[in-house]
Amino acid sequence: MGWGGHRTISNRKERDTDGKCPRNYALRYATMPRTPHMNFLSPDPHETSAQDLDYFVWLIRGAGRDILVDTGFNAEEAKARARKLTLNPVAALEGFGVKASSIRDVIVTHLHYDHAGNLDRFPNARFHLQDREMSYATGRCMCNGLLRHPFSIEHVTLMVRHVYGERVRFHSGDGEIAPGVTVHRVGGHSDGLQVVRVDTARGPVVLASDAAHYYANLQRRSPFPIVYNVGDMVQGWEIVERLAGHPDRFIPGHDPIVSEIYPRASDKVDAFALHLAPSRSFVK
């Protein structure tokens, strides 16, 4: 059985024609001005142009079923961290025609503040999380202020409550959320960081989340400076490339280029269709 009880079709051409492939969207909800030296662990001292940071949540749609990837942050968190919130991700979803109450599955790539806020806004959802991320976010590493800084105690505590409410499905490494939608632990940026592979009509698209904030982090093999384990991050890039199978099919977590090269999917909110081909190719 496929999405929402519909059958899957093994032949790609037939399945594409039948419209059963998941569709995948990036919804931008916030932005932050940055310069290159803030985005690379070993920045190029000659690179001085602005490289802003965009914030996204991702929506996977197919056969009447919606899966949300990450939940963003709210106005209170934006104020506390001096971020520019365009609109709450829940409002972005509503502008895209999706009610938070209709979401049954939420994949949380990791528990950093900008990926795991608004956990109280999805009353009917089950949350998908790596075992190692919960252990990391509630373990001894959180005694260190540098490692603790990207987390919000309110978000982590709420996820613990969801665990006690039997609303969390834990994954250890690889896991399937729905036919054609899988999660894969890569670590690096956070110990339990997971990426999401979506089998779209143009081939597998990998939502890399913070395995690569920018295209350039992966392409240059230069880590973003917020990192728990550099070795895992380096191996994570290889996992992303293998899962995607093509340089045009991985989506970085925060790169404004995404909104420049993918077709706009709404006239109400900043939504971009990732299941369609980008206007720019990264093939060398």
C-alpha atoms as a PDB file:
ATOM      1  CA  MET A   1       0.000   0.000   0.000  1.00  0.00           C
ATOM      2  CA  GLY A   2       1.180   3.513  -0.701  1.00  0.00           C
ATOM      3  CA  TRP A   3       0.376   6.975   0.515  1.00  0.00           C
ATOM      4  CA  GLY A   4      -2.799   7.194   2.550  1.00  0.00           C
ATOM      5  CA  GLY A   5      -3.785   3.644   1.615  1.00  0.00           C
ATOM      6  CA  HIS A   6      -3.204   4.036  -2.112  1.00  0.00           C
ATOM      7  CA  ARG A   7      -1.186   1.385  -3.888  1.00  0.00           C
ATOM      8  CA  THR A   8       2.368   2.094  -4.957  1.00  0.00           C
ATOM      9  CA  ILE A   9       3.435   1.378  -8.520  1.00  0.00           C
ATOM     10  CA  SER A  10       6.923   0.003  -8.985  1.00  0.00           C
ATOM     11  CA  ASN A  11       7.344   1.306 -12.528  1.00  0.00           C
ATOM     12  CA  ARG A  12       8.501   4.930 -12.212  1.00  0.00           C
ATOM     13  CA  LYS A  13       6.946   6.090 -15.488  1.00  0.00           C
ATOM     14  CA  GLU A  14       3.558   4.633 -14.539  1.00  0.00           C
ATOM     15  CA  ARG A  15       3.749   6.029 -11.016  1.00  0.00           C
ATOM     16  CA  ASP A  16       4.652   9.506 -12.226  1.00  0.00           C
ATOM     17  CA  THR A  17       1.764   9.464 -14.681  1.00  0.00           C
ATOM     18  CA  ASP A  18      -0.543   8.229 -11.944  1.00  0.00           C
ATOM     19  CA  GLY A  19       0.490  11.146  -9.721  1.00  0.00           C
ATOM     20  CA  LYS A  20       1.474   8.983  -6.757  1.00  0.00           C
ATOM     21  CA  CYS A  21       4.967  10.374  -6.227  1.00  0.00           C
ATOM     22  CA  PRO A  22       5.250  12.628  -3.178  1.00  0.00           C
ATOM     23  CA  ARG A  23       5.520  16.345  -3.812  1.00  0.00           C
ATOM     24  CA  ASN A  24       7.944  18.300  -1.708  1.00  0.00           C
ATOM     25  CA  TYR A  25       7.917  21.980  -0.695  1.00  0.00           C
ATOM     26  CA  ALA A  26      10.188  24.328   1.219  1.00  0.00           C
ATOM     27  CA  LEU A  27       8.323  27.003   3.212  1.00  0.00           C
ATOM     28  CA  ARG A  28      10.460  29.968   4.255  1.00  0.00           C
ATOM     29  CA  TYR A  29       9.400  31.637   7.493  1.00  0.00           C
ATOM     30  CA  ALA A  30      12.382  33.716   8.681  1.00  0.00           C
ATOM     31  CA  THR A  31      15.749  35.152   7.682  1.00  0.00           C
ATOM     32  CA  MET A  32      18.944  36.415   9.295  1.00  0.00           C
ATOM     33  CA  PRO A  33      21.725  38.631   7.838  1.00  0.00           C
ATOM     34  CA  ARG A  34      25.142  36.984   7.908  1.00  0.00           C
ATOM     35  CA  THR A  35      28.569  37.275   6.343  1.00  0.00           C
ATOM     36  CA  PRO A  36      30.694  34.363   5.028  1.00  0.00           C
ATOM     37  CA  HIS A  37      33.032  34.192   8.013  1.00  0.00           C
ATOM     38  CA  MET A  38      30.001  33.205  10.115  1.00  0.00           C
ATOM     39  CA  ASN A  39      29.074  30.297   7.860  1.00  0.00           C
ATOM     40  CA  PHE A  40      32.253  28.258   7.552  1.00  0.00           C
ATOM     41  CA  LEU A  41      34.500  26.724  10.180  1.00  0.00           C
ATOM     42  CA  SER A  42      37.463  27.749   7.998  1.00  0.00           C
ATOM     43  CA  PRO A  43      36.224  30.768   6.026  1.00  0.00           C
ATOM     44  CA  ASP A  44      37.903  32.278   2.998  1.00  0.00           C
ATOM     45  CA  PRO A  45      39.288  35.632   4.259  1.00  0.00           C
ATOM     46  CA  HIS A  46      38.844  37.140   0.790  1.00  0.00           C
ATOM     47  CA  GLU A  47      35.115  36.378   0.636  1.00  0.00           C
ATOM     48  CA  THR A  48      33.178  39.330   2.029  1.00  0.00           C
ATOM     49  CA  SER A  49      29.795  39.376   0.280  1.00  0.00           C
ATOM     50  CA  ALA A  50      26.684  38.872   2.399  1.00  0.00           C
ATOM     51  CA  GLN A  51      25.390  35.332   2.789  1.00  0.00           C
ATOM     52  CA  ASP A  52      22.094  35.558   4.612  1.00  0.00           C
ATOM     53  CA  LEU A  53      20.600  32.614   6.458  1.00  0.00           C
ATOM     54  CA  ASP A  54      17.049  31.587   5.538  1.00  0.00           C
ATOM     55  CA  TYR A  55      14.867  29.431   7.757  1.00  0.00           C
ATOM     56  CA  PHE A  56      12.598  26.759   6.290  1.00  0.00           C
ATOM     57  CA  VAL A  57      10.218  24.005   7.213  1.00  0.00           C
ATOM     58  CA  TRP A  58       9.465  21.360   4.609  1.00  0.00           C
ATOM     59  CA  LEU A  59       6.180  19.795   3.585  1.00  0.00           C
ATOM     60  CA  ILE A  60       5.807  16.415   1.884  1.00  0.00           C
ATOM     61  CA  ARG A  61       2.442  15.856   0.194  1.00  0.00           C
ATOM     62  CA  GLY A  62       0.960  12.823  -1.523  1.00  0.00           C
ATOM     63  CA  ALA A  63      -2.388  11.040  -1.945  1.00  0.00           C
ATOM     64  CA  GLY A  64      -4.115  13.109   0.720  1.00  0.00           C
ATOM     65  CA  ARG A  65      -1.355  12.729   3.306  1.00  0.00           C
ATOM     66  CA  ASP A  66       0.900  15.525   4.556  1.00  0.00           C
ATOM     67  CA  ILE A  67       4.172  15.017   6.408  1.00  0.00           C
ATOM     68  CA  LEU A  68       5.888  18.017   7.976  1.00  0.00           C
ATOM     69  CA  VAL A  69       9.652  18.164   8.360  1.00  0.00           C
ATOM     70  CA  ASP A  70      10.621  20.396  11.311  1.00  0.00           C
ATOM     71  CA  THR A  71       8.476  22.977  13.081  1.00  0.00           C
ATOM     72  CA  GLY A  72      10.568  26.170  13.138  1.00  0.00           C
ATOM     73  CA  PHE A  73      10.441  28.751  15.913  1.00  0.00           C
ATOM     74  CA  ASN A  74       7.915  31.317  17.163  1.00  0.00           C
ATOM     75  CA  ALA A  75       7.927  35.059  17.903  1.00  0.00           C
ATOM     76  CA  GLU A  76       9.173  34.638  21.472  1.00  0.00           C
ATOM     77  CA  GLU A  77      12.182  32.637  20.348  1.00  0.00           C
ATOM     78  CA  ALA A  78      12.845  35.085  17.506  1.00  0.00           C
ATOM     79  CA  LYS A  79      12.931  37.977  19.966  1.00  0.00           C
ATOM     80  CA  ALA A  80      15.169  36.110  22.400  1.00  0.00           C
ATOM     81  CA  ARG A  81      17.677  35.291  19.656  1.00  0.00           C
ATOM     82  CA  ALA A  82      17.354  38.476  17.560  1.00  0.00           C
ATOM     83  CA  ARG A  83      15.992  36.696  14.505  1.00  0.00           C
ATOM     84  CA  LYS A  84      13.627  38.198  11.918  1.00  0.00           C
ATOM     85  CA  LEU A  85      10.470  36.094  11.885  1.00  0.00           C
ATOM     86  CA  THR A  86       8.404  36.713   8.759  1.00  0.00           C
ATOM     87  CA  LEU A  87       5.525  34.604  10.042  1.00  0.00           C
ATOM     88  CA  ASN A  88       5.086  31.614  12.290  1.00  0.00           C
ATOM     89  CA  PRO A  89       5.587  28.338  10.385  1.00  0.00           C
ATOM     90  CA  VAL A  90       2.093  27.273  11.434  1.00  0.00           C
ATOM     91  CA  ALA A  91       0.734  30.387   9.719  1.00  0.00           C
ATOM     92  CA  ALA A  92       2.891  29.623   6.671  1.00  0.00           C
ATOM     93  CA  LEU A  93       1.316  26.174   6.481  1.00  0.00           C
ATOM     94  CA  GLU A  94      -2.162  27.653   6.784  1.00  0.00           C
ATOM     95  CA  GLY A  95      -1.362  30.099   3.987  1.00  0.00           C
ATOM     96  CA  PHE A  96      -0.378  27.092   1.927  1.00  0.00           C
ATOM     97  CA  GLY A  97      -3.710  25.440   2.672  1.00  0.00           C
ATOM     98  CA  VAL A  98      -2.592  23.023   5.392  1.00  0.00           C
ATOM     99  CA  LYS A  99      -4.037  23.145   8.911  1.00  0.00           C
ATOM    100  CA  ALA A 100      -1.704  22.159  11.743  1.00  0.00           C
ATOM    101  CA  SER A 101      -4.416  19.903  13.160  1.00  0.00           C
ATOM    102  CA  SER A 102      -4.409  17.850   9.952  1.00  0.00           C
ATOM    103  CA  ILE A 103      -0.734  16.906  10.248  1.00  0.00           C
ATOM    104  CA  ARG A 104      -0.347  13.327  11.464  1.00  0.00           C
ATOM    105  CA  ASP A 105       3.422  12.934  11.141  1.00  0.00           C
ATOM    106  CA  VAL A 106       6.182  15.426  11.947  1.00  0.00           C
ATOM    107  CA  ILE A 107       9.805  14.536  11.285  1.00  0.00           C
ATOM    108  CA  VAL A 108      12.098  16.479  13.611  1.00  0.00           C
ATOM    109  CA  THR A 109      15.549  16.467  12.035  1.00  0.00           C
ATOM    110  CA  HIS A 110      17.108  17.595  15.322  1.00  0.00           C
ATOM    111  CA  LEU A 111      16.114  19.505  18.440  1.00  0.00           C
ATOM    112  CA  HIS A 112      17.827  22.867  17.835  1.00  0.00           C
ATOM    113  CA  TYR A 113      15.580  25.848  18.513  1.00  0.00           C
ATOM    114  CA  ASP A 114      14.914  26.657  14.849  1.00  0.00           C
ATOM    115  CA  HIS A 115      13.825  23.122  13.993  1.00  0.00           C
ATOM    116  CA  ALA A 116      11.861  22.049  17.057  1.00  0.00           C
ATOM    117  CA  GLY A 117       9.724  24.981  18.182  1.00  0.00           C
ATOM    118  CA  ASN A 118       5.933  25.053  17.967  1.00  0.00           C
ATOM    119  CA  LEU A 119       5.717  21.438  19.151  1.00  0.00           C
ATOM    120  CA  ASP A 120       2.503  22.334  20.953  1.00  0.00           C
ATOM    121  CA  ARG A 121       0.805  23.483  17.744  1.00  0.00           C
ATOM    122  CA  PHE A 122       0.298  20.044  16.173  1.00  0.00           C
ATOM    123  CA  PRO A 123      -2.240  18.315  18.417  1.00  0.00           C
ATOM    124  CA  ASN A 124      -2.735  15.206  16.283  1.00  0.00           C
ATOM    125  CA  ALA A 125       0.842  14.578  15.192  1.00  0.00           C
ATOM    126  CA  ARG A 126       3.284  11.820  15.945  1.00  0.00           C
ATOM    127  CA  PHE A 127       6.883  13.049  16.106  1.00  0.00           C
ATOM    128  CA  HIS A 128       9.738  11.142  14.476  1.00  0.00           C
ATOM    129  CA  LEU A 129      13.118  11.585  16.166  1.00  0.00           C
ATOM    130  CA  GLN A 130      16.434   9.773  16.395  1.00  0.00           C
ATOM    131  CA  ASP A 131      17.208   8.009  19.691  1.00  0.00           C
ATOM    132  CA  ARG A 132      20.598   9.686  19.772  1.00  0.00           C
ATOM    133  CA  GLU A 133      19.126  13.182  19.468  1.00  0.00           C
ATOM    134  CA  MET A 134      16.963  12.792  22.558  1.00  0.00           C
ATOM    135  CA  SER A 135      19.885  11.287  24.462  1.00  0.00           C
ATOM    136  CA  TYR A 136      22.144  14.133  23.350  1.00  0.00           C
ATOM    137  CA  ALA A 137      19.665  16.917  24.150  1.00  0.00           C
ATOM    138  CA  THR A 138      19.009  15.588  27.656  1.00  0.00           C
ATOM    139  CA  GLY A 139      22.455  14.219  28.494  1.00  0.00           C
ATOM    140  CA  ARG A 140      25.786  15.348  29.871  1.00  0.00           C
ATOM    141  CA  CYS A 141      26.725  17.451  26.816  1.00  0.00           C
ATOM    142  CA  MET A 142      24.017  19.937  27.790  1.00  0.00           C
ATOM    143  CA  CYS A 143      26.140  20.864  30.815  1.00  0.00           C
ATOM    144  CA  ASN A 144      28.362  22.743  28.354  1.00  0.00           C
ATOM    145  CA  GLY A 145      27.052  26.176  27.378  1.00  0.00           C
ATOM    146  CA  LEU A 146      28.500  26.116  23.861  1.00  0.00           C
ATOM    147  CA  LEU A 147      26.833  22.809  22.979  1.00  0.00           C
ATOM    148  CA  ARG A 148      23.654  23.767  24.824  1.00  0.00           C
ATOM    149  CA  HIS A 149      23.212  27.156  23.153  1.00  0.00           C
ATOM    150  CA  PRO A 150      21.346  26.000  19.989  1.00  0.00           C
ATOM    151  CA  PHE A 151      18.755  24.193  22.114  1.00  0.00           C
ATOM    152  CA  SER A 152      15.768  25.623  23.955  1.00  0.00           C
ATOM    153  CA  ILE A 153      14.938  23.999  27.275  1.00  0.00           C
ATOM    154  CA  GLU A 154      11.245  24.635  26.581  1.00  0.00           C
ATOM    155  CA  HIS A 155      11.380  22.724  23.286  1.00  0.00           C
ATOM    156  CA  VAL A 156      13.333  19.809  24.723  1.00  0.00           C
ATOM    157  CA  THR A 157      11.059  19.594  27.754  1.00  0.00           C
ATOM    158  CA  LEU A 158       7.980  19.578  25.533  1.00  0.00           C
ATOM    159  CA  MET A 159       9.429  16.751  23.462  1.00  0.00           C
ATOM    160  CA  VAL A 160       9.990  14.803  26.677  1.00  0.00           C
ATOM    161  CA  ARG A 161       6.308  15.362  27.474  1.00  0.00           C
ATOM    162  CA  HIS A 162       5.411  14.023  24.045  1.00  0.00           C
ATOM    163  CA  VAL A 163       7.508  10.944  24.806  1.00  0.00           C
ATOM    164  CA  TYR A 164       5.529  10.384  27.991  1.00  0.00           C
ATOM    165  CA  GLY A 165       2.344  10.972  26.006  1.00  0.00           C
ATOM    166  CA  GLU A 166       3.368   8.188  23.609  1.00  0.00           C
ATOM    167  CA  ARG A 167       3.505  10.600  20.677  1.00  0.00           C
ATOM    168  CA  VAL A 168       7.122  10.046  19.664  1.00  0.00           C
ATOM    169  CA  ARG A 169       8.378   7.340  17.336  1.00  0.00           C
ATOM    170  CA  PHE A 170      12.086   6.850  17.775  1.00  0.00           C
ATOM    171  CA  HIS A 171      14.412   5.806  14.972  1.00  0.00           C
ATOM    172  CA  SER A 172      17.902   4.355  15.220  1.00  0.00           C
ATOM    173  CA  GLY A 173      19.819   5.135  12.033  1.00  0.00           C
ATOM    174  CA  ASP A 174      17.576   4.515   9.029  1.00  0.00           C
ATOM    175  CA  GLY A 175      13.783   4.399   9.177  1.00  0.00           C
ATOM    176  CA  GLU A 176      10.724   4.547   6.934  1.00  0.00           C
ATOM    177  CA  ILE A 177       8.019   7.127   7.595  1.00  0.00           C
ATOM    178  CA  ALA A 178       5.863   6.295   4.558  1.00  0.00           C
ATOM    179  CA  PRO A 179       6.488   4.594   1.212  1.00  0.00           C
ATOM    180  CA  GLY A 180       9.095   6.734  -0.514  1.00  0.00           C
ATOM    181  CA  VAL A 181       9.914   8.770   2.607  1.00  0.00           C
ATOM    182  CA  THR A 182      12.816   7.650   4.786  1.00  0.00           C
ATOM    183  CA  VAL A 183      15.021   9.151   7.496  1.00  0.00           C
ATOM    184  CA  HIS A 184      18.752   8.610   7.933  1.00  0.00           C
ATOM    185  CA  ARG A 185      20.916   9.584  10.885  1.00  0.00           C
ATOM    186  CA  VAL A 186      24.025  11.566   9.890  1.00  0.00           C
ATOM    187  CA  GLY A 187      24.995  13.355  13.120  1.00  0.00           C
ATOM    188  CA  GLY A 188      27.708  16.001  12.927  1.00  0.00           C
ATOM    189  CA  HIS A 189      25.884  19.266  13.502  1.00  0.00           C
ATOM    190  CA  SER A 190      23.941  17.623  16.324  1.00  0.00           C
ATOM    191  CA  ASP A 191      24.531  14.074  17.498  1.00  0.00           C
ATOM    192  CA  GLY A 192      21.149  12.775  16.347  1.00  0.00           C
ATOM    193  CA  LEU A 193      20.696  14.885  13.224  1.00  0.00           C
ATOM    194  CA  GLN A 194      18.722  13.008  10.575  1.00  0.00           C
ATOM    195  CA  VAL A 195      18.136  13.815   6.909  1.00  0.00           C
ATOM    196  CA  VAL A 196      15.013  12.953   4.926  1.00  0.00           C
ATOM    197  CA  ARG A 197      14.947  11.210   1.558  1.00  0.00           C
ATOM    198  CA  VAL A 198      11.823  11.728  -0.562  1.00  0.00           C
ATOM    199  CA  ASP A 199      11.196   9.669  -3.695  1.00  0.00           C
ATOM    200  CA  THR A 200       9.857  12.360  -6.052  1.00  0.00           C
ATOM    201  CA  ALA A 201       9.054  12.237  -9.772  1.00  0.00           C
ATOM    202  CA  ARG A 202      12.495  13.726 -10.602  1.00  0.00           C
ATOM    203  CA  GLY A 203      14.259  11.156  -8.452  1.00  0.00           C
ATOM    204  CA  PRO A 204      15.183  11.041  -4.777  1.00  0.00           C
ATOM    205  CA  VAL A 205      15.392  14.466  -3.149  1.00  0.00           C
ATOM    206  CA  VAL A 206      17.285  14.701   0.132  1.00  0.00           C
ATOM    207  CA  LEU A 207      16.258  17.320   2.666  1.00  0.00           C
ATOM    208  CA  ALA A 208      19.694  17.718   4.196  1.00  0.00           C
ATOM    209  CA  SER A 209      18.569  20.043   6.995  1.00  0.00           C
ATOM    210  CA  ASP A 210      21.693  21.116   8.881  1.00  0.00           C
ATOM    211  CA  ALA A 211      23.945  18.426   7.450  1.00  0.00           C
ATOM    212  CA  ALA A 212      24.698  21.351   5.119  1.00  0.00           C
ATOM    213  CA  HIS A 213      23.354  24.808   5.958  1.00  0.00           C
ATOM    214  CA  TYR A 214      24.484  26.033   2.530  1.00  0.00           C
ATOM    215  CA  TYR A 215      25.227  24.302  -0.754  1.00  0.00           C
ATOM    216  CA  ALA A 216      28.809  25.478  -0.292  1.00  0.00           C
ATOM    217  CA  ASN A 217      29.259  23.670   3.030  1.00  0.00           C
ATOM    218  CA  LEU A 218      28.956  20.341   1.244  1.00  0.00           C
ATOM    219  CA  GLN A 219      30.452  21.378  -2.082  1.00  0.00           C
ATOM    220  CA  ARG A 220      33.584  22.866  -0.503  1.00  0.00           C
ATOM    221  CA  ARG A 221      33.700  20.258   2.256  1.00  0.00           C
ATOM    222  CA  SER A 222      33.787  23.165   4.714  1.00  0.00           C
ATOM    223  CA  PRO A 223      31.664  22.718   7.871  1.00  0.00           C
ATOM    224  CA  PHE A 224      29.239  25.235   9.288  1.00  0.00           C
ATOM    225  CA  PRO A 225      30.808  26.414  12.572  1.00  0.00           C
ATOM    226  CA  ILE A 226      28.071  25.026  14.838  1.00  0.00           C
ATOM    227  CA  VAL A 227      29.170  21.409  14.978  1.00  0.00           C
ATOM    228  CA  TYR A 228      29.217  18.636  17.565  1.00  0.00           C
ATOM    229  CA  ASN A 229      31.350  16.111  15.653  1.00  0.00           C
ATOM    230  CA  VAL A 230      33.319  17.173  12.583  1.00  0.00           C
ATOM    231  CA  GLY A 231      34.065  13.588  11.608  1.00  0.00           C
ATOM    232  CA  ASP A 232      30.374  12.692  11.557  1.00  0.00           C
ATOM    233  CA  MET A 233      29.629  15.840   9.572  1.00  0.00           C
ATOM    234  CA  VAL A 234      32.182  14.913   6.919  1.00  0.00           C
ATOM    235  CA  GLN A 235      30.749  11.405   6.643  1.00  0.00           C
ATOM    236  CA  GLY A 236      27.268  12.910   6.609  1.00  0.00           C
ATOM    237  CA  TRP A 237      28.035  14.768   3.383  1.00  0.00           C
ATOM    238  CA  GLU A 238      28.882  11.448   1.764  1.00  0.00           C
ATOM    239  CA  ILE A 239      25.630   9.940   3.030  1.00  0.00           C
ATOM    240  CA  VAL A 240      23.644  12.869   1.606  1.00  0.00           C
ATOM    241  CA  GLU A 241      25.344  12.543  -1.773  1.00  0.00           C
ATOM    242  CA  ARG A 242      24.756   8.804  -1.878  1.00  0.00           C
ATOM    243  CA  LEU A 243      21.093   9.108  -0.944  1.00  0.00           C
ATOM    244  CA  ALA A 244      20.457  11.875  -3.492  1.00  0.00           C
ATOM    245  CA  GLY A 245      22.478  10.325  -6.296  1.00  0.00           C
ATOM    246  CA  HIS A 246      22.785  13.686  -8.073  1.00  0.00           C
ATOM    247  CA  PRO A 247      24.150  17.100  -7.001  1.00  0.00           C
ATOM    248  CA  ASP A 248      20.875  18.820  -7.954  1.00  0.00           C
ATOM    249  CA  ARG A 249      18.822  16.647  -5.617  1.00  0.00           C
ATOM    250  CA  PHE A 250      20.055  17.641  -2.185  1.00  0.00           C
ATOM    251  CA  ILE A 251      18.448  20.602  -0.436  1.00  0.00           C
ATOM    252  CA  PRO A 252      20.524  22.517   2.153  1.00  0.00           C
ATOM    253  CA  GLY A 253      18.829  23.625   5.334  1.00  0.00           C
ATOM    254  CA  HIS A 254      19.276  27.398   5.215  1.00  0.00           C
ATOM    255  CA  ASP A 255      20.542  28.538   1.819  1.00  0.00           C
ATOM    256  CA  PRO A 256      18.702  31.489   0.156  1.00  0.00           C
ATOM    257  CA  ILE A 257      19.699  29.979  -3.201  1.00  0.00           C
ATOM    258  CA  VAL A 258      16.871  27.470  -2.718  1.00  0.00           C
ATOM    259  CA  SER A 259      14.294  30.239  -3.123  1.00  0.00           C
ATOM    260  CA  GLU A 260      16.102  31.523  -6.218  1.00  0.00           C
ATOM    261  CA  ILE A 261      16.330  28.305  -8.224  1.00  0.00           C
ATOM    262  CA  TYR A 262      13.144  26.394  -7.361  1.00  0.00           C
ATOM    263  CA  PRO A 263       9.700  27.313  -8.758  1.00  0.00           C
ATOM    264  CA  ARG A 264       7.488  29.348  -6.491  1.00  0.00           C
ATOM    265  CA  ALA A 265       4.505  27.299  -5.346  1.00  0.00           C
ATOM    266  CA  SER A 266       2.260  29.935  -3.761  1.00  0.00           C
ATOM    267  CA  ASP A 267       1.268  33.553  -4.146  1.00  0.00           C
ATOM    268  CA  LYS A 268       0.430  33.804  -0.433  1.00  0.00           C
ATOM    269  CA  VAL A 269       3.529  32.477   1.321  1.00  0.00           C
ATOM    270  CA  ASP A 270       7.165  31.822   0.446  1.00  0.00           C
ATOM    271  CA  ALA A 271       6.812  28.226  -0.745  1.00  0.00           C
ATOM    272  CA  PHE A 272       9.014  26.528  -3.315  1.00  0.00           C
ATOM    273  CA  ALA A 273       8.503  23.253  -5.193  1.00  0.00           C
ATOM    274  CA  LEU A 274      11.468  20.961  -4.632  1.00  0.00           C
ATOM    275  CA  HIS A 275      10.031  18.057  -6.600  1.00  0.00           C
ATOM    276  CA  LEU A 276      10.455  20.115  -9.775  1.00  0.00           C
ATOM    277  CA  ALA A 277      13.786  20.678 -11.463  1.00  0.00           C
ATOM    278  CA  PRO A 278      15.839  23.710 -10.337  1.00  0.00           C
ATOM    279  CA  SER A 279      16.641  26.491 -12.796  1.00  0.00           C
ATOM    280  CA  ARG A 280      20.351  26.121 -12.043  1.00  0.00           C
ATOM    281  CA  SER A 281      22.381  22.914 -12.085  1.00  0.00           C
ATOM    282  CA  PHE A 282      25.331  22.134  -9.829  1.00  0.00           C
ATOM    283  CA  VAL A 283      26.733  19.489 -12.149  1.00  0.00           C
ATOM    284  CA  LYS A 284      30.351  20.380 -12.934  1.00  0.00           C
END
